[in-house]
Amino acid sequence: MAELKTEEEQIEAFKVWWKKNGMALVVAVVVGVGGYFGFNSWQQSQVDHVNEASILFESLNDAMTDLSNPEQAKTASFIAEQLTTDFSDTGYAMFAYLYQARIAAEAKDFDTALEKLSVVENKTDDVTLKAMANLQSVKILLAKSNYDQALAKLELVNTAEFSGQKNELKGDILLAKGDRAGARDAYQAASDALKQTAVPTPLLDIKLKDLAEK
């Protein structure tokens, strides 16, 4: 199964998400909180709450580095569950769901993985988070050989930053369906998009080479 979004990319995406949405969450809760000193006390409790979630998230990242280790996988599952239950009001919870999906996918529990990703898709309006969840769902549906569902889910990803990944996945799906010409076109579109990012794409290059017209 293709590697799901890397930890580094998820962390960077979270920073962007929190910069755009973190303060909005704070302001939304502030409404109705009375009194200057009461607000200061509440504000400090929120800072402590987010800091605690941040520490847990760092521990989760560490545990996710080697899911082949049963102890690390167990630790990752425990921390992710804590983030999604006790810190559901922070942005870290959404990424914990993404990690839960990866843990389940690594264990070949694809149905549970799709359930976790569905939570992200339904609970956030952030297009980046939705795209990340949709792309992971597509990879799982591809692994389950649900090609038509995978293509339909892929159409939900409309953000330019994921254009390369979207087209590469489209190529993978079409190739699995036996459409070599369609797969080649999709891989070429992916290559064109990813060239703009200057990110090496050795695997994609191999896929294109294998489908090169004689």
N, C-alpha and C. Protein backbone atom coordinates (compact mmCIF):
# COMPACT_ATOMS: atom_id res chain seq x y z
N MET A 1 0.85 -1.20 0.00
CA MET A 1 0.00 0.00 0.00
C MET A 1 0.87 1.24 0.00
N ALA A 2 0.53 2.23 -0.81
CA ALA A 2 1.33 3.45 -0.90
C ALA A 2 1.40 4.12 0.45
N GLU A 3 2.55 4.73 0.75
CA GLU A 3 2.74 5.41 2.02
C GLU A 3 1.77 6.57 2.16
N LEU A 4 1.09 6.62 3.31
CA LEU A 4 0.18 7.71 3.57
C LEU A 4 0.99 8.97 3.91
N LYS A 5 0.34 10.10 4.01
CA LYS A 5 1.00 11.38 4.21
C LYS A 5 2.07 11.29 5.31
N THR A 6 3.29 11.76 5.07
CA THR A 6 4.37 11.63 6.03
C THR A 6 4.13 12.49 7.25
N GLU A 7 4.78 12.11 8.37
CA GLU A 7 4.63 12.86 9.60
C GLU A 7 5.06 14.31 9.42
N GLU A 8 6.19 14.53 8.72
CA GLU A 8 6.68 15.89 8.54
C GLU A 8 5.67 16.74 7.80
N GLU A 9 5.06 16.20 6.76
CA GLU A 9 4.08 16.96 5.98
C GLU A 9 2.84 17.24 6.83
N GLN A 10 2.44 16.28 7.68
CA GLN A 10 1.27 16.48 8.52
C GLN A 10 1.53 17.56 9.56
N ILE A 11 2.74 17.54 10.14
CA ILE A 11 3.07 18.57 11.13
C ILE A 11 3.04 19.95 10.50
N GLU A 12 3.64 20.06 9.31
CA GLU A 12 3.68 21.34 8.62
C GLU A 12 2.27 21.79 8.25
N ALA A 13 1.44 20.85 7.80
CA ALA A 13 0.06 21.18 7.46
C ALA A 13 -0.70 21.64 8.70
N PHE A 14 -0.40 21.02 9.86
CA PHE A 14 -1.07 21.44 11.09
C PHE A 14 -0.71 22.88 11.45
N LYS A 15 0.58 23.22 11.29
CA LYS A 15 0.99 24.59 11.60
C LYS A 15 0.20 25.59 10.77
N VAL A 16 0.05 25.27 9.49
CA VAL A 16 -0.71 26.15 8.61
C VAL A 16 -2.16 26.22 9.06
N TRP A 17 -2.73 25.04 9.38
CA TRP A 17 -4.13 24.97 9.81
C TRP A 17 -4.35 25.78 11.09
N TRP A 18 -3.45 25.62 12.07
CA TRP A 18 -3.63 26.30 13.34
C TRP A 18 -3.48 27.80 13.19
N LYS A 19 -2.56 28.23 12.30
CA LYS A 19 -2.38 29.66 12.06
C LYS A 19 -3.65 30.27 11.51
N LYS A 20 -4.36 29.51 10.66
CA LYS A 20 -5.58 30.03 10.05
C LYS A 20 -6.79 29.92 10.97
N ASN A 21 -6.81 28.87 11.82
CA ASN A 21 -8.04 28.57 12.55
C ASN A 21 -7.95 28.63 14.07
N GLY A 22 -6.72 28.59 14.61
CA GLY A 22 -6.58 28.53 16.06
C GLY A 22 -7.24 29.68 16.79
N MET A 23 -6.96 30.90 16.36
CA MET A 23 -7.53 32.06 17.03
C MET A 23 -9.03 32.12 16.87
N ALA A 24 -9.52 31.67 15.74
CA ALA A 24 -10.98 31.68 15.53
C ALA A 24 -11.65 30.77 16.55
N LEU A 25 -11.02 29.66 16.87
CA LEU A 25 -11.58 28.75 17.87
C LEU A 25 -11.61 29.43 19.24
N VAL A 26 -10.52 30.14 19.55
CA VAL A 26 -10.45 30.83 20.84
C VAL A 26 -11.53 31.89 20.94
N VAL A 27 -11.68 32.69 19.89
CA VAL A 27 -12.67 33.77 19.89
C VAL A 27 -14.07 33.21 20.04
N ALA A 28 -14.34 32.10 19.39
CA ALA A 28 -15.67 31.50 19.45
C ALA A 28 -16.04 31.11 20.87
N VAL A 29 -15.05 30.63 21.62
CA VAL A 29 -15.33 30.21 22.99
C VAL A 29 -15.38 31.39 23.94
N VAL A 30 -14.65 32.45 23.57
CA VAL A 30 -14.62 33.63 24.43
C VAL A 30 -16.00 34.26 24.57
N VAL A 31 -16.79 34.20 23.51
CA VAL A 31 -18.11 34.81 23.52
C VAL A 31 -18.91 34.26 24.71
N GLY A 32 -19.40 35.15 25.53
CA GLY A 32 -20.21 34.73 26.67
C GLY A 32 -19.41 34.60 27.95
N VAL A 33 -18.07 34.65 27.86
CA VAL A 33 -17.26 34.57 29.07
C VAL A 33 -17.20 35.96 29.69
N GLY A 34 -17.69 36.13 30.89
CA GLY A 34 -17.80 37.47 31.49
C GLY A 34 -16.66 37.78 32.44
N GLY A 35 -16.32 39.09 32.51
CA GLY A 35 -15.36 39.56 33.49
C GLY A 35 -13.93 39.47 33.01
N TYR A 36 -13.20 40.53 33.22
CA TYR A 36 -11.81 40.59 32.76
C TYR A 36 -10.96 39.51 33.43
N PHE A 37 -11.08 39.42 34.78
CA PHE A 37 -10.25 38.44 35.48
C PHE A 37 -10.71 37.02 35.17
N GLY A 38 -12.01 36.88 34.99
CA GLY A 38 -12.52 35.56 34.61
C GLY A 38 -11.98 35.16 33.25
N PHE A 39 -11.90 36.11 32.34
CA PHE A 39 -11.37 35.82 31.01
C PHE A 39 -9.90 35.44 31.08
N ASN A 40 -9.13 36.19 31.90
CA ASN A 40 -7.70 35.88 32.02
C ASN A 40 -7.49 34.47 32.55
N SER A 41 -8.28 34.11 33.53
CA SER A 41 -8.18 32.76 34.09
C SER A 41 -8.53 31.71 33.05
N TRP A 42 -9.62 31.99 32.33
CA TRP A 42 -10.03 31.05 31.26
C TRP A 42 -8.97 30.97 30.18
N GLN A 43 -8.41 32.14 29.82
CA GLN A 43 -7.40 32.18 28.77
C GLN A 43 -6.18 31.34 29.14
N GLN A 44 -5.75 31.44 30.40
CA GLN A 44 -4.60 30.66 30.85
C GLN A 44 -4.91 29.17 30.82
N SER A 45 -6.13 28.83 31.19
CA SER A 45 -6.50 27.41 31.17
C SER A 45 -6.50 26.87 29.75
N GLN A 46 -6.90 27.73 28.79
CA GLN A 46 -6.88 27.31 27.39
C GLN A 46 -5.45 27.12 26.89
N VAL A 47 -4.57 28.02 27.30
CA VAL A 47 -3.16 27.90 26.92
C VAL A 47 -2.59 26.60 27.47
N ASP A 48 -2.87 26.32 28.74
CA ASP A 48 -2.38 25.08 29.36
C ASP A 48 -2.95 23.87 28.64
N HIS A 49 -4.21 23.96 28.27
CA HIS A 49 -4.89 22.85 27.58
C HIS A 49 -4.24 22.57 26.23
N VAL A 50 -3.99 23.63 25.47
CA VAL A 50 -3.37 23.46 24.15
C VAL A 50 -1.92 23.00 24.29
N ASN A 51 -1.21 23.52 25.28
CA ASN A 51 0.17 23.09 25.50
C ASN A 51 0.25 21.61 25.83
N GLU A 52 -0.70 21.14 26.63
CA GLU A 52 -0.73 19.72 26.97
C GLU A 52 -1.00 18.87 25.73
N ALA A 53 -1.90 19.36 24.90
CA ALA A 53 -2.19 18.65 23.65
C ALA A 53 -0.96 18.63 22.75
N SER A 54 -0.23 19.74 22.73
CA SER A 54 0.97 19.84 21.90
C SER A 54 2.02 18.83 22.34
N ILE A 55 2.20 18.68 23.64
CA ILE A 55 3.17 17.72 24.17
C ILE A 55 2.77 16.30 23.79
N LEU A 56 1.48 16.02 23.92
CA LEU A 56 0.99 14.69 23.54
C LEU A 56 1.20 14.43 22.04
N PHE A 57 0.97 15.47 21.25
CA PHE A 57 1.13 15.32 19.80
C PHE A 57 2.58 15.03 19.43
N GLU A 58 3.53 15.67 20.12
CA GLU A 58 4.94 15.39 19.88
C GLU A 58 5.25 13.93 20.24
N SER A 59 4.68 13.45 21.33
CA SER A 59 4.89 12.06 21.73
C SER A 59 4.27 11.11 20.70
N LEU A 60 3.14 11.51 20.15
CA LEU A 60 2.48 10.70 19.12
C LEU A 60 3.37 10.62 17.88
N ASN A 61 3.94 11.74 17.48
CA ASN A 61 4.85 11.73 16.32
C ASN A 61 6.01 10.77 16.54
N ASP A 62 6.56 10.79 17.74
CA ASP A 62 7.68 9.89 18.05
C ASP A 62 7.25 8.42 17.94
N ALA A 63 6.07 8.13 18.46
CA ALA A 63 5.60 6.75 18.45
C ALA A 63 5.26 6.27 17.04
N MET A 64 4.89 7.21 16.18
CA MET A 64 4.48 6.84 14.82
C MET A 64 5.66 6.52 13.90
N THR A 65 6.90 6.74 14.37
CA THR A 65 8.05 6.55 13.50
C THR A 65 8.30 5.09 13.15
N ASP A 66 7.80 4.16 13.96
CA ASP A 66 8.02 2.74 13.68
C ASP A 66 6.83 1.92 14.17
N LEU A 67 5.81 1.85 13.33
CA LEU A 67 4.60 1.11 13.71
C LEU A 67 4.80 -0.39 13.64
N SER A 68 5.93 -0.83 13.09
CA SER A 68 6.21 -2.27 13.07
C SER A 68 6.59 -2.76 14.46
N ASN A 69 6.96 -1.81 15.32
CA ASN A 69 7.26 -2.14 16.72
C ASN A 69 5.94 -2.18 17.49
N PRO A 70 5.54 -3.35 17.99
CA PRO A 70 4.23 -3.48 18.68
C PRO A 70 4.05 -2.49 19.82
N GLU A 71 5.12 -2.24 20.58
CA GLU A 71 5.00 -1.33 21.71
C GLU A 71 4.76 0.11 21.24
N GLN A 72 5.45 0.50 20.18
CA GLN A 72 5.26 1.86 19.66
C GLN A 72 3.87 2.01 19.05
N ALA A 73 3.41 0.97 18.37
CA ALA A 73 2.07 1.02 17.78
C ALA A 73 1.02 1.14 18.88
N LYS A 74 1.23 0.41 19.97
CA LYS A 74 0.30 0.46 21.11
C LYS A 74 0.31 1.84 21.74
N THR A 75 1.50 2.40 21.90
CA THR A 75 1.63 3.74 22.48
C THR A 75 0.97 4.78 21.59
N ALA A 76 1.21 4.67 20.29
CA ALA A 76 0.62 5.61 19.34
C ALA A 76 -0.91 5.56 19.40
N SER A 77 -1.46 4.36 19.45
CA SER A 77 -2.91 4.20 19.52
C SER A 77 -3.47 4.84 20.79
N PHE A 78 -2.78 4.64 21.91
CA PHE A 78 -3.23 5.19 23.19
C PHE A 78 -3.24 6.71 23.17
N ILE A 79 -2.14 7.31 22.68
CA ILE A 79 -2.03 8.77 22.66
C ILE A 79 -3.03 9.37 21.69
N ALA A 80 -3.18 8.75 20.53
CA ALA A 80 -4.14 9.26 19.53
C ALA A 80 -5.55 9.24 20.10
N GLU A 81 -5.90 8.20 20.81
CA GLU A 81 -7.23 8.10 21.42
C GLU A 81 -7.41 9.21 22.46
N GLN A 82 -6.37 9.48 23.23
CA GLN A 82 -6.45 10.54 24.23
C GLN A 82 -6.65 11.90 23.59
N LEU A 83 -5.97 12.15 22.48
CA LEU A 83 -6.12 13.42 21.79
C LEU A 83 -7.51 13.60 21.20
N THR A 84 -8.09 12.52 20.67
CA THR A 84 -9.40 12.64 20.05
C THR A 84 -10.53 12.71 21.06
N THR A 85 -10.27 12.30 22.30
CA THR A 85 -11.33 12.34 23.32
C THR A 85 -11.18 13.53 24.26
N ASP A 86 -9.98 13.69 24.85
CA ASP A 86 -9.78 14.74 25.84
C ASP A 86 -9.40 16.09 25.24
N PHE A 87 -8.98 16.08 23.97
CA PHE A 87 -8.54 17.33 23.34
C PHE A 87 -9.21 17.51 21.98
N SER A 88 -10.47 17.11 21.93
CA SER A 88 -11.22 17.17 20.67
C SER A 88 -11.47 18.60 20.21
N ASP A 89 -11.28 19.58 21.12
CA ASP A 89 -11.50 20.98 20.78
C ASP A 89 -10.25 21.65 20.22
N THR A 90 -9.19 20.89 20.00
CA THR A 90 -7.96 21.44 19.43
C THR A 90 -7.73 20.85 18.04
N GLY A 91 -6.91 21.55 17.26
CA GLY A 91 -6.59 21.06 15.94
C GLY A 91 -5.81 19.75 15.96
N TYR A 92 -5.16 19.46 17.09
CA TYR A 92 -4.39 18.23 17.19
C TYR A 92 -5.29 16.99 17.05
N ALA A 93 -6.53 17.12 17.44
CA ALA A 93 -7.44 15.97 17.37
C ALA A 93 -7.63 15.51 15.94
N MET A 94 -7.75 16.45 15.01
CA MET A 94 -7.95 16.08 13.61
C MET A 94 -6.76 15.28 13.08
N PHE A 95 -5.56 15.70 13.46
CA PHE A 95 -4.39 14.96 13.02
C PHE A 95 -4.27 13.62 13.73
N ALA A 96 -4.77 13.55 14.95
CA ALA A 96 -4.79 12.27 15.66
C ALA A 96 -5.68 11.27 14.92
N TYR A 97 -6.81 11.75 14.39
CA TYR A 97 -7.67 10.87 13.60
C TYR A 97 -6.94 10.36 12.35
N LEU A 98 -6.18 11.25 11.71
CA LEU A 98 -5.41 10.83 10.54
C LEU A 98 -4.40 9.76 10.92
N TYR A 99 -3.79 9.93 12.07
CA TYR A 99 -2.82 8.93 12.54
C TYR A 99 -3.52 7.62 12.90
N GLN A 100 -4.68 7.73 13.52
CA GLN A 100 -5.44 6.51 13.84
C GLN A 100 -5.76 5.73 12.57
N ALA A 101 -6.08 6.47 11.52
CA ALA A 101 -6.36 5.83 10.23
C ALA A 101 -5.13 5.11 9.70
N ARG A 102 -3.99 5.74 9.83
CA ARG A 102 -2.76 5.11 9.35
C ARG A 102 -2.44 3.86 10.15
N ILE A 103 -2.61 3.94 11.48
CA ILE A 103 -2.35 2.78 12.33
C ILE A 103 -3.24 1.61 11.91
N ALA A 104 -4.52 1.92 11.69
CA ALA A 104 -5.46 0.87 11.28
C ALA A 104 -5.09 0.32 9.90
N ALA A 105 -4.69 1.21 8.99
CA ALA A 105 -4.33 0.77 7.65
C ALA A 105 -3.10 -0.12 7.67
N GLU A 106 -2.13 0.22 8.50
CA GLU A 106 -0.93 -0.60 8.63
C GLU A 106 -1.27 -2.00 9.11
N ALA A 107 -2.33 -2.08 9.93
CA ALA A 107 -2.78 -3.38 10.45
C ALA A 107 -3.77 -4.06 9.51
N LYS A 108 -3.96 -3.47 8.31
CA LYS A 108 -4.89 -4.00 7.30
C LYS A 108 -6.34 -3.93 7.74
N ASP A 109 -6.62 -3.11 8.76
CA ASP A 109 -8.00 -2.91 9.20
C ASP A 109 -8.54 -1.70 8.43
N PHE A 110 -8.83 -1.91 7.16
CA PHE A 110 -9.17 -0.81 6.27
C PHE A 110 -10.51 -0.16 6.61
N ASP A 111 -11.46 -0.94 7.10
CA ASP A 111 -12.76 -0.37 7.43
C ASP A 111 -12.65 0.64 8.57
N THR A 112 -11.87 0.28 9.61
CA THR A 112 -11.66 1.20 10.73
C THR A 112 -10.92 2.45 10.25
N ALA A 113 -9.95 2.27 9.37
CA ALA A 113 -9.20 3.41 8.84
C ALA A 113 -10.14 4.37 8.12
N LEU A 114 -11.05 3.83 7.31
CA LEU A 114 -11.99 4.69 6.59
C LEU A 114 -12.94 5.41 7.55
N GLU A 115 -13.30 4.75 8.64
CA GLU A 115 -14.17 5.39 9.63
C GLU A 115 -13.47 6.60 10.27
N LYS A 116 -12.21 6.45 10.61
CA LYS A 116 -11.46 7.55 11.22
C LYS A 116 -11.31 8.72 10.24
N LEU A 117 -11.05 8.39 8.99
CA LEU A 117 -10.91 9.44 7.98
C LEU A 117 -12.23 10.15 7.73
N SER A 118 -13.32 9.41 7.84
CA SER A 118 -14.64 10.00 7.65
C SER A 118 -14.92 11.06 8.72
N VAL A 119 -14.41 10.84 9.92
CA VAL A 119 -14.59 11.82 11.00
C VAL A 119 -13.96 13.15 10.59
N VAL A 120 -12.74 13.09 10.06
CA VAL A 120 -12.06 14.32 9.63
C VAL A 120 -12.83 14.99 8.50
N GLU A 121 -13.25 14.19 7.54
CA GLU A 121 -13.98 14.73 6.39
C GLU A 121 -15.25 15.45 6.81
N ASN A 122 -15.90 14.95 7.86
CA ASN A 122 -17.19 15.49 8.28
C ASN A 122 -17.10 16.56 9.37
N LYS A 123 -16.00 16.59 10.13
CA LYS A 123 -15.93 17.48 11.28
C LYS A 123 -15.16 18.77 11.02
N THR A 124 -14.50 18.87 9.86
CA THR A 124 -13.75 20.10 9.60
C THR A 124 -14.18 20.72 8.27
N ASP A 125 -14.10 22.03 8.23
CA ASP A 125 -14.38 22.75 6.98
C ASP A 125 -13.08 23.16 6.30
N ASP A 126 -11.95 22.83 6.91
CA ASP A 126 -10.67 23.21 6.35
C ASP A 126 -10.36 22.34 5.13
N VAL A 127 -10.11 22.98 3.99
CA VAL A 127 -9.93 22.25 2.74
C VAL A 127 -8.66 21.41 2.74
N THR A 128 -7.62 21.87 3.44
CA THR A 128 -6.38 21.10 3.49
C THR A 128 -6.57 19.80 4.25
N LEU A 129 -7.20 19.89 5.42
CA LEU A 129 -7.45 18.69 6.20
C LEU A 129 -8.38 17.72 5.46
N LYS A 130 -9.40 18.27 4.84
CA LYS A 130 -10.31 17.42 4.07
C LYS A 130 -9.57 16.71 2.95
N ALA A 131 -8.70 17.44 2.26
CA ALA A 131 -7.95 16.84 1.16
C ALA A 131 -7.04 15.73 1.65
N MET A 132 -6.38 15.96 2.78
CA MET A 132 -5.51 14.94 3.34
C MET A 132 -6.30 13.67 3.69
N ALA A 133 -7.47 13.86 4.29
CA ALA A 133 -8.30 12.70 4.64
C ALA A 133 -8.81 12.00 3.40
N ASN A 134 -9.22 12.77 2.40
CA ASN A 134 -9.73 12.17 1.17
C ASN A 134 -8.65 11.37 0.44
N LEU A 135 -7.44 11.91 0.39
CA LEU A 135 -6.35 11.21 -0.28
C LEU A 135 -6.01 9.91 0.42
N GLN A 136 -6.02 9.93 1.75
CA GLN A 136 -5.77 8.69 2.48
C GLN A 136 -6.89 7.68 2.22
N SER A 137 -8.11 8.17 2.16
CA SER A 137 -9.25 7.29 1.89
C SER A 137 -9.12 6.65 0.51
N VAL A 138 -8.67 7.44 -0.47
CA VAL A 138 -8.49 6.92 -1.82
C VAL A 138 -7.47 5.79 -1.83
N LYS A 139 -6.37 5.95 -1.12
CA LYS A 139 -5.34 4.92 -1.08
C LYS A 139 -5.87 3.64 -0.45
N ILE A 140 -6.71 3.79 0.57
CA ILE A 140 -7.28 2.61 1.22
C ILE A 140 -8.29 1.92 0.30
N LEU A 141 -9.12 2.71 -0.37
CA LEU A 141 -10.08 2.14 -1.31
C LEU A 141 -9.36 1.43 -2.46
N LEU A 142 -8.23 1.99 -2.88
CA LEU A 142 -7.42 1.34 -3.91
C LEU A 142 -6.89 0.01 -3.40
N ALA A 143 -6.43 -0.01 -2.16
CA ALA A 143 -5.92 -1.25 -1.56
C ALA A 143 -7.03 -2.30 -1.45
N LYS A 144 -8.27 -1.83 -1.29
CA LYS A 144 -9.41 -2.74 -1.20
C LYS A 144 -9.96 -3.12 -2.59
N SER A 145 -9.32 -2.58 -3.64
CA SER A 145 -9.75 -2.81 -5.04
C SER A 145 -11.12 -2.22 -5.34
N ASN A 146 -11.51 -1.20 -4.57
CA ASN A 146 -12.76 -0.49 -4.83
C ASN A 146 -12.45 0.70 -5.74
N TYR A 147 -12.16 0.40 -7.00
CA TYR A 147 -11.62 1.40 -7.91
C TYR A 147 -12.59 2.54 -8.21
N ASP A 148 -13.85 2.22 -8.47
CA ASP A 148 -14.81 3.27 -8.80
C ASP A 148 -15.05 4.20 -7.62
N GLN A 149 -15.14 3.62 -6.41
CA GLN A 149 -15.30 4.45 -5.21
C GLN A 149 -14.06 5.34 -5.02
N ALA A 150 -12.90 4.78 -5.30
CA ALA A 150 -11.66 5.54 -5.14
C ALA A 150 -11.64 6.73 -6.09
N LEU A 151 -12.04 6.51 -7.33
CA LEU A 151 -12.07 7.60 -8.32
C LEU A 151 -13.07 8.68 -7.91
N ALA A 152 -14.22 8.26 -7.40
CA ALA A 152 -15.24 9.21 -6.98
C ALA A 152 -14.73 10.05 -5.80
N LYS A 153 -14.06 9.40 -4.86
CA LYS A 153 -13.51 10.12 -3.71
C LYS A 153 -12.41 11.07 -4.14
N LEU A 154 -11.65 10.66 -5.13
CA LEU A 154 -10.55 11.48 -5.61
C LEU A 154 -11.04 12.80 -6.18
N GLU A 155 -12.22 12.79 -6.76
CA GLU A 155 -12.78 14.01 -7.35
C GLU A 155 -13.11 15.07 -6.30
N LEU A 156 -13.14 14.69 -5.03
CA LEU A 156 -13.42 15.64 -3.95
C LEU A 156 -12.19 16.48 -3.62
N VAL A 157 -11.02 16.06 -4.10
CA VAL A 157 -9.78 16.79 -3.83
C VAL A 157 -9.58 17.84 -4.92
N ASN A 158 -9.75 19.09 -4.56
CA ASN A 158 -9.69 20.17 -5.56
C ASN A 158 -8.66 21.25 -5.23
N THR A 159 -7.80 21.00 -4.24
CA THR A 159 -6.81 22.00 -3.87
C THR A 159 -5.56 21.81 -4.73
N ALA A 160 -5.02 22.93 -5.20
CA ALA A 160 -3.88 22.90 -6.11
C ALA A 160 -2.66 22.24 -5.49
N GLU A 161 -2.47 22.41 -4.19
CA GLU A 161 -1.28 21.87 -3.54
C GLU A 161 -1.22 20.34 -3.59
N PHE A 162 -2.37 19.69 -3.79
CA PHE A 162 -2.40 18.24 -3.85
C PHE A 162 -2.62 17.71 -5.27
N SER A 163 -2.46 18.58 -6.26
CA SER A 163 -2.70 18.18 -7.64
C SER A 163 -1.81 17.03 -8.08
N GLY A 164 -0.53 17.08 -7.70
CA GLY A 164 0.39 16.02 -8.07
C GLY A 164 0.01 14.69 -7.48
N GLN A 165 -0.29 14.67 -6.18
CA GLN A 165 -0.69 13.43 -5.51
C GLN A 165 -2.00 12.90 -6.09
N LYS A 166 -2.92 13.82 -6.36
CA LYS A 166 -4.21 13.41 -6.90
C LYS A 166 -4.04 12.70 -8.24
N ASN A 167 -3.25 13.29 -9.13
CA ASN A 167 -3.09 12.70 -10.45
C ASN A 167 -2.29 11.40 -10.41
N GLU A 168 -1.32 11.32 -9.51
CA GLU A 168 -0.57 10.07 -9.40
C GLU A 168 -1.48 8.94 -8.90
N LEU A 169 -2.32 9.25 -7.94
CA LEU A 169 -3.27 8.25 -7.46
C LEU A 169 -4.27 7.86 -8.55
N LYS A 170 -4.69 8.85 -9.32
CA LYS A 170 -5.59 8.56 -10.44
C LYS A 170 -4.92 7.59 -11.40
N GLY A 171 -3.64 7.81 -11.67
CA GLY A 171 -2.90 6.90 -12.54
C GLY A 171 -2.84 5.49 -11.96
N ASP A 172 -2.60 5.39 -10.65
CA ASP A 172 -2.55 4.08 -10.00
C ASP A 172 -3.88 3.34 -10.14
N ILE A 173 -4.97 4.08 -9.96
CA ILE A 173 -6.29 3.46 -10.05
C ILE A 173 -6.60 3.02 -11.47
N LEU A 174 -6.34 3.89 -12.43
CA LEU A 174 -6.61 3.56 -13.83
C LEU A 174 -5.75 2.39 -14.29
N LEU A 175 -4.52 2.34 -13.84
CA LEU A 175 -3.64 1.23 -14.20
C LEU A 175 -4.18 -0.07 -13.63
N ALA A 176 -4.67 -0.01 -12.40
CA ALA A 176 -5.24 -1.20 -11.77
C ALA A 176 -6.50 -1.67 -12.52
N LYS A 177 -7.21 -0.71 -13.15
CA LYS A 177 -8.40 -1.04 -13.92
C LYS A 177 -8.05 -1.48 -15.35
N GLY A 178 -6.76 -1.43 -15.70
CA GLY A 178 -6.33 -1.86 -17.02
C GLY A 178 -6.28 -0.76 -18.07
N ASP A 179 -6.49 0.49 -17.65
CA ASP A 179 -6.47 1.62 -18.58
C ASP A 179 -5.06 2.22 -18.60
N ARG A 180 -4.17 1.64 -19.41
CA ARG A 180 -2.79 2.09 -19.44
C ARG A 180 -2.64 3.49 -20.04
N ALA A 181 -3.40 3.79 -21.05
CA ALA A 181 -3.31 5.11 -21.67
C ALA A 181 -3.78 6.20 -20.70
N GLY A 182 -4.88 5.93 -20.02
CA GLY A 182 -5.38 6.89 -19.04
C GLY A 182 -4.41 7.06 -17.88
N ALA A 183 -3.80 5.95 -17.47
CA ALA A 183 -2.84 6.00 -16.38
C ALA A 183 -1.62 6.83 -16.78
N ARG A 184 -1.16 6.64 -18.01
CA ARG A 184 0.01 7.39 -18.49
C ARG A 184 -0.28 8.89 -18.50
N ASP A 185 -1.47 9.27 -18.96
CA ASP A 185 -1.84 10.69 -18.99
C ASP A 185 -1.89 11.27 -17.57
N ALA A 186 -2.43 10.48 -16.65
CA ALA A 186 -2.54 10.94 -15.26
C ALA A 186 -1.15 11.09 -14.63
N TYR A 187 -0.27 10.12 -14.89
CA TYR A 187 1.08 10.20 -14.35
C TYR A 187 1.82 11.41 -14.92
N GLN A 188 1.59 11.69 -16.20
CA GLN A 188 2.25 12.84 -16.81
C GLN A 188 1.76 14.14 -16.17
N ALA A 189 0.46 14.21 -15.92
CA ALA A 189 -0.12 15.39 -15.25
C ALA A 189 0.47 15.54 -13.85
N ALA A 190 0.64 14.41 -13.17
CA ALA A 190 1.23 14.44 -11.83
C ALA A 190 2.66 14.93 -11.89
N SER A 191 3.41 14.43 -12.87
CA SER A 191 4.81 14.82 -13.03
C SER A 191 4.93 16.32 -13.31
N ASP A 192 4.07 16.82 -14.17
CA ASP A 192 4.09 18.25 -14.50
C ASP A 192 3.80 19.10 -13.27
N ALA A 193 2.85 18.66 -12.45
CA ALA A 193 2.47 19.42 -11.26
C ALA A 193 3.58 19.39 -10.22
N LEU A 194 4.19 18.21 -10.03
CA LEU A 194 5.21 18.07 -9.00
C LEU A 194 6.53 18.71 -9.38
N LYS A 195 6.76 18.91 -10.67
CA LYS A 195 7.98 19.59 -11.09
C LYS A 195 8.01 21.01 -10.56
N GLN A 196 6.84 21.60 -10.34
CA GLN A 196 6.76 22.97 -9.83
C GLN A 196 7.22 23.06 -8.39
N THR A 197 7.22 21.92 -7.69
CA THR A 197 7.61 21.90 -6.28
C THR A 197 9.07 21.54 -6.08
N ALA A 198 9.72 21.12 -7.15
CA ALA A 198 11.15 20.72 -7.09
C ALA A 198 11.37 19.53 -6.16
N VAL A 199 10.33 18.73 -5.94
CA VAL A 199 10.45 17.54 -5.10
C VAL A 199 10.79 16.34 -5.99
N PRO A 200 11.84 15.57 -5.65
CA PRO A 200 12.20 14.41 -6.46
C PRO A 200 11.05 13.40 -6.51
N THR A 201 10.82 12.81 -7.68
CA THR A 201 9.72 11.85 -7.83
C THR A 201 10.23 10.59 -8.52
N PRO A 202 11.18 9.88 -7.93
CA PRO A 202 11.76 8.71 -8.59
C PRO A 202 10.74 7.62 -8.90
N LEU A 203 9.82 7.35 -7.97
CA LEU A 203 8.83 6.30 -8.20
C LEU A 203 7.89 6.68 -9.33
N LEU A 204 7.45 7.94 -9.35
CA LEU A 204 6.58 8.40 -10.41
C LEU A 204 7.30 8.34 -11.76
N ASP A 205 8.57 8.66 -11.78
CA ASP A 205 9.36 8.59 -13.01
C ASP A 205 9.41 7.16 -13.54
N ILE A 206 9.54 6.20 -12.63
CA ILE A 206 9.56 4.79 -13.02
C ILE A 206 8.21 4.37 -13.60
N LYS A 207 7.13 4.84 -12.98
CA LYS A 207 5.79 4.52 -13.47
C LYS A 207 5.60 5.05 -14.89
N LEU A 208 6.05 6.28 -15.11
CA LEU A 208 5.93 6.87 -16.45
C LEU A 208 6.77 6.11 -17.47
N LYS A 209 7.96 5.73 -17.08
CA LYS A 209 8.86 5.02 -17.97
C LYS A 209 8.26 3.66 -18.38
N ASP A 210 7.65 3.00 -17.40
CA ASP A 210 7.05 1.69 -17.66
C ASP A 210 5.89 1.79 -18.65
N LEU A 211 5.23 2.95 -18.68
CA LEU A 211 4.08 3.12 -19.57
C LEU A 211 4.40 3.92 -20.83
N ALA A 212 5.68 4.19 -21.02
CA ALA A 212 6.07 4.98 -22.19
C ALA A 212 5.65 4.29 -23.47
N GLU A 213 5.14 5.07 -24.38
CA GLU A 213 4.70 4.52 -25.66
C GLU A 213 5.91 4.02 -26.44
N LYS A 214 5.78 2.85 -27.01
CA LYS A 214 6.87 2.26 -27.82
C LYS A 214 6.95 2.96 -29.15
